[in-house]
Amino acid sequence: MTKDMNTTPSRGPTDHNVRDQVVEAATEHFSHFGYEKTTVSDLAKAIGFSKAYIYKFFDSKQAIGEVICANRLAMIMDIVNAAIADAPTASEKIRRLLKTLTEAGSDLFFCDRKLYDIAAVAARDNWPSVVAYKQHLRQLIETILVEGRQAGEFERKTPLDEAAHAIYLVMLPYISPVELQYNLETAPTAAVLLASLILRSLSP
């Protein structure tokens, strides 16, 4: 996940340090001033590089944002994977999945509002990093469903892809940055209630 989601290719192996420096400085700048209000010229001035030099490594402001967004989404998935790794059943994985995704999104919103804006823009404009994140999440849901069906926890009649997509759509208002910002107050309760609802629908 962490490798696939970084969709912006490097310009050359010797450029990694400079690219990392630009991303680190851009992350700090975006966290103070926001993504949409910042231009590449603003970044160049703040970082101390020329605008042309930044364009040597990134084609656009979005390309920089892509790396930052991919890194943040990878962090969320690492947290999710750690949370569900030792879950004893597929049902418990569903509970932990929704709870952890909701908490991680809420933490990002409250702790770093300006960087949350990047995630919101990325989700709104369907950046490649977000597309990869969504695909990975749906695959994870399918994997949990297969595990639950094999263990006899979940029903087998509904087509797997249909069931996984339905669960993803139920989760969406609480895991999408665009929608989560309007659902923050209900998110903790929703994570519990929706998980119970999903599990009842999956009962054999």
N, C-alpha and C. Protein backbone atom coordinates (compact mmCIF):
# COMPACT_ATOMS: atom_id res chain seq x y z
N MET A 1 0.82 -1.22 0.00
CA MET A 1 0.00 0.00 0.00
C MET A 1 0.85 1.25 0.00
N THR A 2 1.87 1.30 0.90
CA THR A 2 2.67 2.50 1.03
C THR A 2 3.48 2.74 -0.22
N LYS A 3 3.85 1.67 -0.95
CA LYS A 3 4.61 1.88 -2.17
C LYS A 3 3.70 2.23 -3.33
N ASP A 4 2.59 1.54 -3.44
CA ASP A 4 1.69 1.75 -4.58
C ASP A 4 1.05 3.12 -4.56
N MET A 5 0.79 3.64 -3.36
CA MET A 5 0.05 4.89 -3.28
C MET A 5 0.90 6.11 -3.60
N ASN A 6 2.23 6.00 -3.55
CA ASN A 6 3.07 7.12 -3.92
C ASN A 6 3.16 7.16 -5.43
N THR A 7 2.23 7.84 -6.06
CA THR A 7 2.03 7.76 -7.49
C THR A 7 2.90 8.73 -8.28
N THR A 8 3.65 9.62 -7.61
CA THR A 8 4.47 10.57 -8.32
C THR A 8 5.88 10.02 -8.46
N PRO A 9 6.32 9.67 -9.69
CA PRO A 9 7.63 9.07 -9.86
C PRO A 9 8.75 10.06 -9.63
N SER A 10 9.91 9.56 -9.20
CA SER A 10 11.05 10.45 -9.00
C SER A 10 11.71 10.74 -10.32
N ARG A 11 12.44 11.87 -10.37
CA ARG A 11 13.12 12.25 -11.60
C ARG A 11 14.46 11.52 -11.74
N GLY A 12 14.94 10.89 -10.69
CA GLY A 12 16.20 10.17 -10.75
C GLY A 12 16.63 9.77 -9.36
N PRO A 13 17.36 8.66 -9.23
CA PRO A 13 17.71 8.15 -7.90
C PRO A 13 18.54 9.12 -7.07
N THR A 14 19.34 9.99 -7.72
CA THR A 14 20.18 10.92 -6.96
C THR A 14 19.40 12.12 -6.46
N ASP A 15 18.14 12.24 -6.87
CA ASP A 15 17.33 13.40 -6.52
C ASP A 15 16.47 13.18 -5.28
N HIS A 16 16.51 11.99 -4.69
CA HIS A 16 15.60 11.67 -3.59
C HIS A 16 15.74 12.62 -2.41
N ASN A 17 16.96 12.95 -2.05
CA ASN A 17 17.16 13.82 -0.90
C ASN A 17 16.55 15.20 -1.10
N VAL A 18 16.73 15.74 -2.30
CA VAL A 18 16.16 17.06 -2.60
C VAL A 18 14.65 16.98 -2.63
N ARG A 19 14.12 15.93 -3.24
CA ARG A 19 12.66 15.75 -3.28
C ARG A 19 12.09 15.66 -1.87
N ASP A 20 12.75 14.87 -1.02
CA ASP A 20 12.29 14.74 0.36
C ASP A 20 12.34 16.08 1.08
N GLN A 21 13.36 16.87 0.79
CA GLN A 21 13.49 18.18 1.42
C GLN A 21 12.35 19.10 0.99
N VAL A 22 12.01 19.05 -0.30
CA VAL A 22 10.91 19.86 -0.81
C VAL A 22 9.60 19.43 -0.18
N VAL A 23 9.36 18.12 -0.11
CA VAL A 23 8.12 17.59 0.47
C VAL A 23 8.01 17.96 1.95
N GLU A 24 9.10 17.82 2.67
CA GLU A 24 9.09 18.16 4.10
C GLU A 24 8.78 19.64 4.31
N ALA A 25 9.44 20.49 3.53
CA ALA A 25 9.21 21.93 3.67
C ALA A 25 7.79 22.29 3.22
N ALA A 26 7.32 21.65 2.15
CA ALA A 26 5.97 21.93 1.66
C ALA A 26 4.92 21.48 2.67
N THR A 27 5.16 20.34 3.33
CA THR A 27 4.23 19.86 4.36
C THR A 27 4.09 20.89 5.47
N GLU A 28 5.21 21.43 5.90
CA GLU A 28 5.18 22.44 6.96
C GLU A 28 4.48 23.71 6.48
N HIS A 29 4.76 24.10 5.24
CA HIS A 29 4.14 25.33 4.71
C HIS A 29 2.63 25.16 4.56
N PHE A 30 2.22 24.02 4.01
CA PHE A 30 0.79 23.76 3.85
C PHE A 30 0.09 23.71 5.20
N SER A 31 0.77 23.17 6.22
CA SER A 31 0.15 23.05 7.53
C SER A 31 -0.09 24.41 8.17
N HIS A 32 0.65 25.42 7.74
CA HIS A 32 0.47 26.76 8.28
C HIS A 32 -0.50 27.61 7.45
N PHE A 33 -0.42 27.47 6.13
CA PHE A 33 -1.17 28.37 5.26
C PHE A 33 -2.26 27.69 4.43
N GLY A 34 -2.30 26.38 4.44
CA GLY A 34 -3.30 25.67 3.66
C GLY A 34 -2.82 25.34 2.26
N TYR A 35 -3.42 24.33 1.69
CA TYR A 35 -3.00 23.87 0.36
C TYR A 35 -3.51 24.77 -0.76
N GLU A 36 -4.80 25.04 -0.75
CA GLU A 36 -5.40 25.76 -1.88
C GLU A 36 -4.93 27.21 -1.97
N LYS A 37 -4.55 27.79 -0.85
CA LYS A 37 -4.13 29.19 -0.85
C LYS A 37 -2.65 29.35 -1.18
N THR A 38 -1.95 28.25 -1.33
CA THR A 38 -0.51 28.28 -1.57
C THR A 38 -0.20 28.05 -3.04
N THR A 39 0.73 28.82 -3.58
CA THR A 39 1.20 28.63 -4.95
C THR A 39 2.62 28.06 -4.93
N VAL A 40 3.08 27.58 -6.07
CA VAL A 40 4.45 27.08 -6.15
C VAL A 40 5.43 28.21 -5.87
N SER A 41 5.09 29.42 -6.28
CA SER A 41 5.93 30.58 -6.00
C SER A 41 6.05 30.82 -4.49
N ASP A 42 4.92 30.66 -3.78
CA ASP A 42 4.94 30.79 -2.32
C ASP A 42 5.87 29.75 -1.69
N LEU A 43 5.76 28.51 -2.20
CA LEU A 43 6.60 27.44 -1.68
C LEU A 43 8.08 27.72 -1.94
N ALA A 44 8.37 28.15 -3.16
CA ALA A 44 9.76 28.43 -3.53
C ALA A 44 10.36 29.48 -2.62
N LYS A 45 9.60 30.52 -2.35
CA LYS A 45 10.06 31.60 -1.49
C LYS A 45 10.27 31.11 -0.07
N ALA A 46 9.32 30.31 0.43
CA ALA A 46 9.40 29.81 1.80
C ALA A 46 10.54 28.81 1.97
N ILE A 47 10.74 27.98 0.97
CA ILE A 47 11.75 26.93 1.06
C ILE A 47 13.15 27.47 0.79
N GLY A 48 13.21 28.53 -0.02
CA GLY A 48 14.51 29.08 -0.37
C GLY A 48 15.05 28.54 -1.67
N PHE A 49 14.20 27.87 -2.45
CA PHE A 49 14.56 27.39 -3.77
C PHE A 49 13.92 28.28 -4.81
N SER A 50 14.43 28.23 -6.02
CA SER A 50 13.76 28.95 -7.10
C SER A 50 12.56 28.13 -7.56
N LYS A 51 11.61 28.81 -8.16
CA LYS A 51 10.42 28.12 -8.68
C LYS A 51 10.83 27.11 -9.74
N ALA A 52 11.78 27.50 -10.59
CA ALA A 52 12.26 26.60 -11.66
C ALA A 52 12.90 25.35 -11.06
N TYR A 53 13.59 25.51 -9.93
CA TYR A 53 14.26 24.37 -9.30
C TYR A 53 13.24 23.38 -8.75
N ILE A 54 12.17 23.90 -8.17
CA ILE A 54 11.11 23.01 -7.68
C ILE A 54 10.48 22.25 -8.84
N TYR A 55 10.28 22.92 -9.96
CA TYR A 55 9.68 22.27 -11.13
C TYR A 55 10.60 21.20 -11.72
N LYS A 56 11.86 21.22 -11.35
CA LYS A 56 12.77 20.17 -11.79
C LYS A 56 12.38 18.84 -11.18
N PHE A 57 11.79 18.90 -10.00
CA PHE A 57 11.45 17.68 -9.27
C PHE A 57 9.96 17.37 -9.25
N PHE A 58 9.14 18.39 -9.40
CA PHE A 58 7.69 18.20 -9.38
C PHE A 58 7.06 19.00 -10.50
N ASP A 59 6.12 18.38 -11.21
CA ASP A 59 5.49 19.04 -12.35
C ASP A 59 4.52 20.14 -11.95
N SER A 60 4.02 20.07 -10.72
CA SER A 60 3.00 21.01 -10.29
C SER A 60 2.86 20.99 -8.78
N LYS A 61 2.07 21.91 -8.25
CA LYS A 61 1.77 21.90 -6.82
C LYS A 61 1.03 20.61 -6.45
N GLN A 62 0.16 20.16 -7.34
CA GLN A 62 -0.58 18.93 -7.05
C GLN A 62 0.36 17.74 -6.92
N ALA A 63 1.43 17.72 -7.70
CA ALA A 63 2.39 16.61 -7.62
C ALA A 63 3.02 16.55 -6.23
N ILE A 64 3.28 17.72 -5.64
CA ILE A 64 3.81 17.77 -4.27
C ILE A 64 2.72 17.31 -3.30
N GLY A 65 1.52 17.84 -3.52
CA GLY A 65 0.39 17.44 -2.67
C GLY A 65 0.12 15.95 -2.74
N GLU A 66 0.32 15.36 -3.93
CA GLU A 66 0.12 13.92 -4.10
C GLU A 66 1.02 13.13 -3.17
N VAL A 67 2.28 13.52 -3.09
CA VAL A 67 3.22 12.81 -2.23
C VAL A 67 2.79 12.93 -0.77
N ILE A 68 2.44 14.15 -0.37
CA ILE A 68 2.02 14.38 1.02
C ILE A 68 0.75 13.58 1.33
N CYS A 69 -0.20 13.63 0.41
CA CYS A 69 -1.47 12.92 0.60
C CYS A 69 -1.23 11.41 0.66
N ALA A 70 -0.40 10.90 -0.26
CA ALA A 70 -0.11 9.47 -0.27
C ALA A 70 0.55 9.04 1.03
N ASN A 71 1.45 9.88 1.54
CA ASN A 71 2.12 9.56 2.81
C ASN A 71 1.11 9.50 3.96
N ARG A 72 0.19 10.47 3.99
CA ARG A 72 -0.82 10.50 5.05
C ARG A 72 -1.77 9.31 4.96
N LEU A 73 -2.20 8.99 3.76
CA LEU A 73 -3.11 7.85 3.58
C LEU A 73 -2.41 6.54 3.94
N ALA A 74 -1.12 6.46 3.61
CA ALA A 74 -0.36 5.26 3.97
C ALA A 74 -0.26 5.14 5.49
N MET A 75 -0.11 6.27 6.18
CA MET A 75 -0.07 6.26 7.64
C MET A 75 -1.39 5.73 8.21
N ILE A 76 -2.50 6.18 7.62
CA ILE A 76 -3.81 5.73 8.08
C ILE A 76 -3.95 4.22 7.88
N MET A 77 -3.52 3.72 6.71
CA MET A 77 -3.64 2.29 6.46
C MET A 77 -2.72 1.48 7.36
N ASP A 78 -1.56 2.03 7.70
CA ASP A 78 -0.68 1.34 8.65
C ASP A 78 -1.36 1.21 10.01
N ILE A 79 -2.04 2.27 10.43
CA ILE A 79 -2.77 2.25 11.70
C ILE A 79 -3.89 1.22 11.65
N VAL A 80 -4.61 1.19 10.52
CA VAL A 80 -5.70 0.23 10.34
C VAL A 80 -5.17 -1.20 10.38
N ASN A 81 -4.11 -1.45 9.63
CA ASN A 81 -3.56 -2.81 9.57
C ASN A 81 -3.10 -3.28 10.94
N ALA A 82 -2.50 -2.37 11.70
CA ALA A 82 -2.06 -2.72 13.05
C ALA A 82 -3.25 -3.02 13.96
N ALA A 83 -4.34 -2.28 13.76
CA ALA A 83 -5.53 -2.44 14.62
C ALA A 83 -6.23 -3.76 14.39
N ILE A 84 -6.26 -4.21 13.16
CA ILE A 84 -7.01 -5.43 12.85
C ILE A 84 -6.14 -6.68 12.84
N ALA A 85 -4.83 -6.50 12.94
CA ALA A 85 -3.91 -7.63 12.78
C ALA A 85 -4.18 -8.77 13.76
N ASP A 86 -4.46 -8.42 15.01
CA ASP A 86 -4.66 -9.47 16.02
C ASP A 86 -6.13 -9.69 16.38
N ALA A 87 -7.03 -9.18 15.54
CA ALA A 87 -8.46 -9.40 15.80
C ALA A 87 -8.77 -10.89 15.68
N PRO A 88 -9.46 -11.46 16.65
CA PRO A 88 -9.69 -12.91 16.66
C PRO A 88 -10.69 -13.41 15.61
N THR A 89 -11.57 -12.52 15.15
CA THR A 89 -12.59 -12.92 14.18
C THR A 89 -12.74 -11.87 13.09
N ALA A 90 -13.39 -12.26 12.00
CA ALA A 90 -13.67 -11.32 10.92
C ALA A 90 -14.64 -10.24 11.39
N SER A 91 -15.57 -10.61 12.24
CA SER A 91 -16.53 -9.64 12.77
C SER A 91 -15.81 -8.56 13.55
N GLU A 92 -14.85 -8.96 14.36
CA GLU A 92 -14.09 -7.99 15.14
C GLU A 92 -13.25 -7.10 14.22
N LYS A 93 -12.79 -7.66 13.11
CA LYS A 93 -12.02 -6.86 12.15
C LYS A 93 -12.90 -5.76 11.54
N ILE A 94 -14.15 -6.10 11.26
CA ILE A 94 -15.09 -5.09 10.74
C ILE A 94 -15.26 -3.96 11.75
N ARG A 95 -15.46 -4.33 13.02
CA ARG A 95 -15.63 -3.33 14.07
C ARG A 95 -14.40 -2.43 14.18
N ARG A 96 -13.24 -3.05 14.22
CA ARG A 96 -12.00 -2.28 14.38
C ARG A 96 -11.70 -1.45 13.13
N LEU A 97 -12.03 -1.98 11.98
CA LEU A 97 -11.79 -1.26 10.73
C LEU A 97 -12.52 0.07 10.72
N LEU A 98 -13.81 0.02 10.99
CA LEU A 98 -14.62 1.24 10.95
C LEU A 98 -14.21 2.20 12.07
N LYS A 99 -13.98 1.68 13.24
CA LYS A 99 -13.58 2.50 14.38
C LYS A 99 -12.25 3.20 14.11
N THR A 100 -11.28 2.47 13.59
CA THR A 100 -9.95 3.02 13.36
C THR A 100 -9.95 4.02 12.22
N LEU A 101 -10.65 3.72 11.15
CA LEU A 101 -10.73 4.66 10.03
C LEU A 101 -11.37 5.98 10.47
N THR A 102 -12.42 5.89 11.25
CA THR A 102 -13.10 7.09 11.74
C THR A 102 -12.20 7.89 12.67
N GLU A 103 -11.53 7.21 13.58
CA GLU A 103 -10.64 7.90 14.52
C GLU A 103 -9.47 8.54 13.81
N ALA A 104 -8.88 7.83 12.84
CA ALA A 104 -7.72 8.36 12.13
C ALA A 104 -8.10 9.61 11.33
N GLY A 105 -9.26 9.58 10.69
CA GLY A 105 -9.73 10.75 9.95
C GLY A 105 -10.03 11.91 10.85
N SER A 106 -10.65 11.63 11.99
CA SER A 106 -10.98 12.69 12.95
C SER A 106 -9.72 13.30 13.54
N ASP A 107 -8.73 12.46 13.84
CA ASP A 107 -7.47 12.96 14.39
C ASP A 107 -6.78 13.88 13.38
N LEU A 108 -6.80 13.48 12.13
CA LEU A 108 -6.19 14.30 11.09
C LEU A 108 -6.89 15.65 11.00
N PHE A 109 -8.21 15.64 11.16
CA PHE A 109 -8.98 16.88 11.07
C PHE A 109 -8.65 17.82 12.23
N PHE A 110 -8.65 17.28 13.43
CA PHE A 110 -8.45 18.13 14.61
C PHE A 110 -6.99 18.54 14.82
N CYS A 111 -6.07 17.62 14.53
CA CYS A 111 -4.66 17.87 14.85
C CYS A 111 -3.94 18.67 13.77
N ASP A 112 -4.38 18.56 12.55
CA ASP A 112 -3.68 19.25 11.46
C ASP A 112 -4.69 19.67 10.40
N ARG A 113 -5.45 20.69 10.73
CA ARG A 113 -6.56 21.11 9.87
C ARG A 113 -6.11 21.50 8.47
N LYS A 114 -4.96 22.18 8.36
CA LYS A 114 -4.49 22.63 7.05
C LYS A 114 -4.09 21.45 6.17
N LEU A 115 -3.48 20.42 6.78
CA LEU A 115 -3.13 19.25 5.99
C LEU A 115 -4.36 18.40 5.68
N TYR A 116 -5.36 18.48 6.55
CA TYR A 116 -6.62 17.82 6.24
C TYR A 116 -7.21 18.39 4.95
N ASP A 117 -6.97 19.68 4.72
CA ASP A 117 -7.46 20.31 3.50
C ASP A 117 -6.91 19.64 2.25
N ILE A 118 -5.65 19.17 2.32
CA ILE A 118 -5.08 18.47 1.16
C ILE A 118 -5.87 17.19 0.90
N ALA A 119 -6.16 16.45 1.96
CA ALA A 119 -6.93 15.21 1.81
C ALA A 119 -8.31 15.49 1.24
N ALA A 120 -8.92 16.60 1.68
CA ALA A 120 -10.25 16.95 1.19
C ALA A 120 -10.21 17.31 -0.30
N VAL A 121 -9.20 18.08 -0.70
CA VAL A 121 -9.04 18.44 -2.11
C VAL A 121 -8.77 17.18 -2.94
N ALA A 122 -7.90 16.31 -2.41
CA ALA A 122 -7.56 15.08 -3.12
C ALA A 122 -8.78 14.19 -3.32
N ALA A 123 -9.62 14.09 -2.28
CA ALA A 123 -10.84 13.29 -2.38
C ALA A 123 -11.83 13.92 -3.34
N ARG A 124 -11.96 15.24 -3.26
CA ARG A 124 -12.89 15.95 -4.13
C ARG A 124 -12.51 15.81 -5.60
N ASP A 125 -11.20 15.92 -5.88
CA ASP A 125 -10.72 15.89 -7.26
C ASP A 125 -10.25 14.52 -7.70
N ASN A 126 -10.41 13.53 -6.82
CA ASN A 126 -10.10 12.14 -7.16
C ASN A 126 -8.65 11.96 -7.60
N TRP A 127 -7.73 12.42 -6.78
CA TRP A 127 -6.31 12.26 -7.09
C TRP A 127 -5.95 10.78 -7.15
N PRO A 128 -4.91 10.41 -7.92
CA PRO A 128 -4.51 9.00 -8.02
C PRO A 128 -4.23 8.34 -6.67
N SER A 129 -3.65 9.09 -5.73
CA SER A 129 -3.38 8.51 -4.41
C SER A 129 -4.67 8.13 -3.70
N VAL A 130 -5.72 8.91 -3.89
CA VAL A 130 -7.01 8.62 -3.28
C VAL A 130 -7.67 7.42 -3.96
N VAL A 131 -7.55 7.36 -5.28
CA VAL A 131 -8.09 6.22 -6.03
C VAL A 131 -7.44 4.93 -5.54
N ALA A 132 -6.11 4.96 -5.37
CA ALA A 132 -5.39 3.79 -4.88
C ALA A 132 -5.82 3.42 -3.46
N TYR A 133 -6.03 4.43 -2.63
CA TYR A 133 -6.47 4.22 -1.24
C TYR A 133 -7.85 3.56 -1.21
N LYS A 134 -8.77 4.05 -2.03
CA LYS A 134 -10.11 3.47 -2.08
C LYS A 134 -10.07 2.02 -2.54
N GLN A 135 -9.26 1.75 -3.56
CA GLN A 135 -9.15 0.39 -4.08
C GLN A 135 -8.58 -0.54 -3.02
N HIS A 136 -7.57 -0.07 -2.31
CA HIS A 136 -6.97 -0.89 -1.26
C HIS A 136 -7.98 -1.17 -0.14
N LEU A 137 -8.76 -0.16 0.20
CA LEU A 137 -9.74 -0.31 1.26
C LEU A 137 -10.82 -1.32 0.86
N ARG A 138 -11.30 -1.23 -0.37
CA ARG A 138 -12.30 -2.20 -0.84
C ARG A 138 -11.73 -3.62 -0.88
N GLN A 139 -10.46 -3.73 -1.26
CA GLN A 139 -9.82 -5.05 -1.27
C GLN A 139 -9.71 -5.61 0.14
N LEU A 140 -9.41 -4.72 1.09
CA LEU A 140 -9.31 -5.14 2.49
C LEU A 140 -10.66 -5.63 2.99
N ILE A 141 -11.72 -4.92 2.64
CA ILE A 141 -13.07 -5.34 3.04
C ILE A 141 -13.40 -6.70 2.44
N GLU A 142 -13.06 -6.90 1.17
CA GLU A 142 -13.31 -8.19 0.53
C GLU A 142 -12.56 -9.31 1.24
N THR A 143 -11.31 -9.04 1.61
CA THR A 143 -10.50 -10.05 2.29
C THR A 143 -11.13 -10.44 3.62
N ILE A 144 -11.64 -9.46 4.35
CA ILE A 144 -12.29 -9.74 5.63
C ILE A 144 -13.57 -10.53 5.40
N LEU A 145 -14.32 -10.19 4.35
CA LEU A 145 -15.56 -10.92 4.05
C LEU A 145 -15.26 -12.39 3.72
N VAL A 146 -14.23 -12.61 2.93
CA VAL A 146 -13.85 -13.99 2.57
C VAL A 146 -13.49 -14.76 3.83
N GLU A 147 -12.73 -14.15 4.70
CA GLU A 147 -12.35 -14.79 5.96
C GLU A 147 -13.58 -15.13 6.79
N GLY A 148 -14.52 -14.19 6.87
CA GLY A 148 -15.73 -14.42 7.64
C GLY A 148 -16.62 -15.50 7.04
N ARG A 149 -16.68 -15.55 5.71
CA ARG A 149 -17.48 -16.59 5.05
C ARG A 149 -16.87 -17.96 5.26
N GLN A 150 -15.56 -18.04 5.18
CA GLN A 150 -14.90 -19.33 5.37
C GLN A 150 -15.04 -19.83 6.81
N ALA A 151 -15.15 -18.89 7.75
CA ALA A 151 -15.30 -19.27 9.16
C ALA A 151 -16.75 -19.50 9.54
N GLY A 152 -17.67 -19.25 8.61
CA GLY A 152 -19.09 -19.43 8.90
C GLY A 152 -19.72 -18.26 9.62
N GLU A 153 -19.01 -17.14 9.73
CA GLU A 153 -19.55 -15.95 10.41
C GLU A 153 -20.53 -15.18 9.52
N PHE A 154 -20.25 -15.15 8.21
CA PHE A 154 -21.00 -14.31 7.28
C PHE A 154 -21.75 -15.14 6.24
N GLU A 155 -22.86 -14.59 5.76
CA GLU A 155 -23.65 -15.24 4.72
C GLU A 155 -22.86 -15.30 3.40
N ARG A 156 -23.25 -16.24 2.53
CA ARG A 156 -22.51 -16.46 1.29
C ARG A 156 -23.35 -16.16 0.03
N LYS A 157 -24.61 -15.79 0.21
CA LYS A 157 -25.49 -15.64 -0.95
C LYS A 157 -25.18 -14.38 -1.76
N THR A 158 -24.90 -13.28 -1.09
CA THR A 158 -24.65 -12.03 -1.79
C THR A 158 -23.30 -12.10 -2.50
N PRO A 159 -23.24 -11.69 -3.78
CA PRO A 159 -21.95 -11.68 -4.47
C PRO A 159 -20.91 -10.88 -3.68
N LEU A 160 -19.71 -11.39 -3.64
CA LEU A 160 -18.66 -10.81 -2.80
C LEU A 160 -18.41 -9.34 -3.12
N ASP A 161 -18.29 -9.03 -4.41
CA ASP A 161 -17.99 -7.64 -4.78
C ASP A 161 -19.14 -6.71 -4.41
N GLU A 162 -20.37 -7.21 -4.52
CA GLU A 162 -21.54 -6.40 -4.17
C GLU A 162 -21.58 -6.12 -2.67
N ALA A 163 -21.30 -7.14 -1.87
CA ALA A 163 -21.31 -6.97 -0.42
C ALA A 163 -20.20 -6.02 0.02
N ALA A 164 -19.02 -6.16 -0.56
CA ALA A 164 -17.89 -5.30 -0.20
C ALA A 164 -18.16 -3.85 -0.57
N HIS A 165 -18.75 -3.66 -1.74
CA HIS A 165 -19.04 -2.29 -2.19
C HIS A 165 -20.11 -1.65 -1.31
N ALA A 166 -21.10 -2.42 -0.92
CA ALA A 166 -22.16 -1.90 -0.06
C ALA A 166 -21.60 -1.47 1.30
N ILE A 167 -20.72 -2.28 1.86
CA ILE A 167 -20.09 -1.93 3.14
C ILE A 167 -19.26 -0.67 2.99
N TYR A 168 -18.53 -0.58 1.90
CA TYR A 168 -17.72 0.62 1.65
C TYR A 168 -18.59 1.87 1.58
N LEU A 169 -19.73 1.78 0.91
CA LEU A 169 -20.63 2.93 0.79
C LEU A 169 -21.23 3.33 2.14
N VAL A 170 -21.52 2.33 2.98
CA VAL A 170 -22.03 2.63 4.31
C VAL A 170 -20.98 3.38 5.14
N MET A 171 -19.71 3.00 4.96
CA MET A 171 -18.62 3.63 5.70
C MET A 171 -18.28 5.03 5.19
N LEU A 172 -18.55 5.29 3.92
CA LEU A 172 -18.04 6.47 3.22
C LEU A 172 -18.24 7.81 3.94
N PRO A 173 -19.45 8.09 4.49
CA PRO A 173 -19.63 9.40 5.16
C PRO A 173 -18.71 9.63 6.34
N TYR A 174 -18.09 8.56 6.83
CA TYR A 174 -17.24 8.69 8.02
C TYR A 174 -15.77 8.43 7.73
N ILE A 175 -15.44 8.13 6.47
CA ILE A 175 -14.04 7.91 6.12
C ILE A 175 -13.57 8.82 5.00
N SER A 176 -14.49 9.43 4.27
CA SER A 176 -14.12 10.38 3.23
C SER A 176 -13.89 11.75 3.85
N PRO A 177 -12.72 12.38 3.60
CA PRO A 177 -12.45 13.70 4.18
C PRO A 177 -13.52 14.73 3.83
N VAL A 178 -14.04 14.66 2.61
CA VAL A 178 -15.04 15.63 2.17
C VAL A 178 -16.30 15.54 3.02
N GLU A 179 -16.72 14.30 3.34
CA GLU A 179 -17.95 14.09 4.08
C GLU A 179 -17.74 14.06 5.60
N LEU A 180 -16.58 13.57 6.03
CA LEU A 180 -16.32 13.43 7.46
C LEU A 180 -16.38 14.76 8.19
N GLN A 181 -15.93 15.82 7.55
CA GLN A 181 -15.91 17.13 8.21
C GLN A 181 -17.30 17.58 8.64
N TYR A 182 -18.34 17.03 8.02
CA TYR A 182 -19.71 17.38 8.40
C TYR A 182 -20.31 16.36 9.37
N ASN A 183 -19.55 15.32 9.68
CA ASN A 183 -20.07 14.24 10.52
C ASN A 183 -19.20 13.96 11.74
N LEU A 184 -18.34 14.90 12.09
CA LEU A 184 -17.38 14.67 13.17
C LEU A 184 -18.06 14.38 14.51
N GLU A 185 -19.15 15.09 14.81
CA GLU A 185 -19.80 14.92 16.11
C GLU A 185 -20.41 13.53 16.27
N THR A 186 -20.92 12.98 15.18
CA THR A 186 -21.59 11.68 15.26
C THR A 186 -20.65 10.52 14.94
N ALA A 187 -19.42 10.81 14.50
CA ALA A 187 -18.51 9.77 14.03
C ALA A 187 -18.24 8.66 15.05
N PRO A 188 -17.92 8.97 16.31
CA PRO A 188 -17.63 7.89 17.27
C PRO A 188 -18.82 6.94 17.47
N THR A 189 -20.02 7.52 17.62
CA THR A 189 -21.21 6.70 17.80
C THR A 189 -21.54 5.94 16.53
N ALA A 190 -21.39 6.61 15.39
CA ALA A 190 -21.68 5.97 14.10
C ALA A 190 -20.79 4.77 13.86
N ALA A 191 -19.53 4.86 14.25
CA ALA A 191 -18.61 3.75 14.03
C ALA A 191 -19.10 2.48 14.73
N VAL A 192 -19.66 2.63 15.90
CA VAL A 192 -20.17 1.48 16.66
C VAL A 192 -21.48 0.97 16.07
N LEU A 193 -22.41 1.90 15.83
CA LEU A 193 -23.74 1.51 15.35
C LEU A 193 -23.69 0.94 13.93
N LEU A 194 -22.89 1.56 13.07
CA LEU A 194 -22.82 1.07 11.69
C LEU A 194 -22.13 -0.29 11.62
N ALA A 195 -21.14 -0.49 12.46
CA ALA A 195 -20.49 -1.80 12.49
C ALA A 195 -21.49 -2.88 12.90
N SER A 196 -22.32 -2.59 13.88
CA SER A 196 -23.34 -3.54 14.32
C SER A 196 -24.36 -3.80 13.21
N LEU A 197 -24.75 -2.74 12.52
CA LEU A 197 -25.70 -2.87 11.41
C LEU A 197 -25.12 -3.73 10.29
N ILE A 198 -23.87 -3.47 9.95
CA ILE A 198 -23.19 -4.24 8.90
C ILE A 198 -23.13 -5.71 9.28
N LEU A 199 -22.75 -5.99 10.52
CA LEU A 199 -22.60 -7.36 10.96
C LEU A 199 -23.94 -8.11 10.99
N ARG A 200 -25.01 -7.39 11.35
CA ARG A 200 -26.33 -8.04 11.32
C ARG A 200 -26.71 -8.39 9.89
N SER A 201 -26.37 -7.51 8.95
CA SER A 201 -26.70 -7.79 7.54
C SER A 201 -25.87 -8.94 6.97
N LEU A 202 -24.71 -9.20 7.58
CA LEU A 202 -23.84 -10.26 7.11
C LEU A 202 -24.11 -11.60 7.78
N SER A 203 -24.98 -11.58 8.79
CA SER A 203 -25.26 -12.81 9.54
C SER A 203 -25.83 -13.90 8.65
N PRO A 204 -25.33 -15.14 8.76
CA PRO A 204 -25.82 -16.24 7.90
C PRO A 204 -27.23 -16.69 8.30
